[in-house]
């Protein structure tokens, strides 16, 4: 999924990154105009997290806005992610799958989740 000339502006947004952009965290301002890539699992986690604390219709509208960013998850992605999860037990399943997808696509994994802080291919931005 590398796009000529814009690959440095394409990031895999994990659920943490979506929450920070939505909340207006200024540290995530540089990523607002980036091309977001994610999986259905991260959108499900986002939708659930937003619905716990807000209006369901507004939450569904936010989730729908990011739907075009969803990429396919392969069987190989799932298998590699679960192998990683066995080693890094504190990660969420959506995020470890996303990390694996990001590696396959050759894009950086955008997060502020401490579990990914020192991992390769991570764009780590904390509050």
Protein backbone atom coordinates (compact mmCIF):
# COMPACT_ATOMS: atom_id res chain seq x y z
CA UNK A 1 0.00 0.00 0.00
CA UNK A 2 2.94 2.36 -0.33
CA UNK A 3 1.79 5.35 -2.31
CA UNK A 4 4.41 7.19 -4.34
CA UNK A 5 5.22 10.56 -2.86
CA UNK A 6 2.93 10.28 0.15
CA UNK A 7 4.07 7.14 1.96
CA UNK A 8 5.48 9.23 4.81
CA UNK A 9 1.97 10.66 5.33
CA UNK A 10 0.27 7.25 5.50
CA UNK A 11 -0.07 5.72 8.96
CA UNK A 12 -1.85 2.78 10.47
CA UNK A 13 -4.11 4.35 13.11
CA UNK A 14 -4.61 2.11 16.10
CA UNK A 15 -7.58 2.71 18.38
CA UNK A 16 -5.51 4.89 20.72
CA UNK A 17 -4.58 7.20 17.82
CA UNK A 18 -8.21 7.54 16.73
CA UNK A 19 -9.28 8.48 20.26
CA UNK A 20 -6.57 11.13 20.53
CA UNK A 21 -7.46 12.68 17.16
CA UNK A 22 -11.16 12.72 18.06
CA UNK A 23 -10.46 14.25 21.49
CA UNK A 24 -8.39 16.99 19.86
CA UNK A 25 -5.05 16.12 21.46
CA UNK A 26 -2.68 18.74 19.97
CA UNK A 27 0.16 16.20 19.82
CA UNK A 28 -1.89 14.39 17.16
CA UNK A 29 -2.46 17.52 15.03
CA UNK A 30 0.34 16.54 12.61
CA UNK A 31 -1.60 13.36 11.79
CA UNK A 32 -5.03 14.88 11.13
CA UNK A 33 -4.31 15.26 7.41
CA UNK A 34 -2.41 11.99 7.10
CA UNK A 35 -3.88 9.07 5.20
CA UNK A 36 -5.33 6.79 7.87
CA UNK A 37 -5.26 3.03 7.43
CA UNK A 38 -6.92 0.69 9.95
CA UNK A 39 -8.79 -2.60 10.30
CA UNK A 40 -12.39 -3.41 11.06
CA UNK A 41 -11.22 -4.61 14.48
CA UNK A 42 -9.87 -1.18 15.42
CA UNK A 43 -13.08 0.48 14.21
CA UNK A 44 -15.12 -1.96 16.30
CA UNK A 45 -13.01 -1.15 19.35
CA UNK A 46 -13.35 2.58 18.63
CA UNK A 47 -17.12 2.35 18.18
CA UNK A 48 -17.52 0.42 21.42
CA UNK A 49 -15.30 2.81 23.38
CA UNK A 50 -17.15 5.86 22.09
CA UNK A 51 -20.59 4.34 22.70
CA UNK A 52 -19.72 3.64 26.33
CA UNK A 53 -19.30 7.38 26.86
CA UNK A 54 -21.48 9.13 24.31
CA UNK A 55 -24.32 9.44 21.86
CA UNK A 56 -24.75 6.30 19.73
CA UNK A 57 -25.74 8.18 16.55
CA UNK A 58 -22.76 10.52 16.78
CA UNK A 59 -20.51 7.54 17.48
CA UNK A 60 -21.82 5.67 14.46
CA UNK A 61 -21.22 8.75 12.30
CA UNK A 62 -17.60 8.96 13.50
CA UNK A 63 -17.08 5.27 12.79
CA UNK A 64 -18.63 5.64 9.32
CA UNK A 65 -16.26 8.53 8.56
CA UNK A 66 -13.28 6.19 9.06
CA UNK A 67 -14.79 3.19 7.24
CA UNK A 68 -13.00 4.01 3.93
CA UNK A 69 -9.69 3.60 5.82
CA UNK A 70 -10.31 -0.09 6.51
CA UNK A 71 -7.95 -2.55 4.82
CA UNK A 72 -8.22 -6.32 4.54
CA UNK A 73 -6.74 -8.56 7.22
CA UNK A 74 -5.24 -11.75 5.84
CA UNK A 75 -4.99 -15.15 7.45
CA UNK A 76 -1.23 -14.62 7.57
CA UNK A 77 -1.77 -11.32 9.44
CA UNK A 78 -3.89 -13.09 12.06
CA UNK A 79 -1.40 -15.92 12.46
CA UNK A 80 1.59 -13.58 12.81
CA UNK A 81 -0.32 -11.32 15.20
CA UNK A 82 -1.31 -14.16 17.49
CA UNK A 83 2.29 -15.39 17.58
CA UNK A 84 3.34 -11.88 18.63
CA UNK A 85 0.54 -11.75 21.20
CA UNK A 86 1.86 -14.92 22.83
CA UNK A 87 5.13 -13.02 23.47
CA UNK A 88 3.56 -9.62 24.32
CA UNK A 89 0.54 -10.64 26.37
CA UNK A 90 -0.68 -7.17 27.37
CA UNK A 91 -1.56 -5.99 23.87
CA UNK A 92 -5.12 -5.87 22.60
CA UNK A 93 -6.04 -8.22 19.77
CA UNK A 94 -7.16 -5.37 17.46
CA UNK A 95 -3.91 -3.49 18.02
CA UNK A 96 -1.58 -6.47 17.57
CA UNK A 97 -3.39 -7.37 14.34
CA UNK A 98 -3.09 -3.73 13.25
CA UNK A 99 0.62 -3.69 14.01
CA UNK A 100 1.07 -6.80 11.88
CA UNK A 101 -0.95 -5.28 9.02
CA UNK A 102 1.08 -2.07 9.19
CA UNK A 103 4.31 -4.06 8.87
CA UNK A 104 2.93 -5.96 5.87
CA UNK A 105 1.89 -2.70 4.18
CA UNK A 106 5.19 -0.98 4.92
CA UNK A 107 3.62 1.88 6.87
CA UNK A 108 4.23 3.13 10.41
CA UNK A 109 1.92 2.09 13.25
CA UNK A 110 0.64 5.27 14.98
CA UNK A 111 -0.07 4.84 18.69
CA UNK A 112 0.49 6.14 22.18
CA UNK A 113 -0.01 2.71 23.70
CA UNK A 114 2.97 1.98 25.99
CA UNK A 115 2.98 -1.67 24.92
CA UNK A 116 4.32 -0.53 21.52
CA UNK A 117 6.71 2.22 22.73
CA UNK A 118 10.02 0.57 21.81
CA UNK A 119 8.89 -1.64 18.96
CA UNK A 120 10.16 -1.18 15.40
CA UNK A 121 7.93 0.50 12.82
CA UNK A 122 6.03 2.49 15.48
CA UNK A 123 5.26 6.19 15.45
CA UNK A 124 4.85 6.65 19.21
CA UNK A 125 2.98 9.78 20.33
CA UNK A 126 1.91 10.04 23.97
CA UNK A 127 -0.51 12.58 25.46
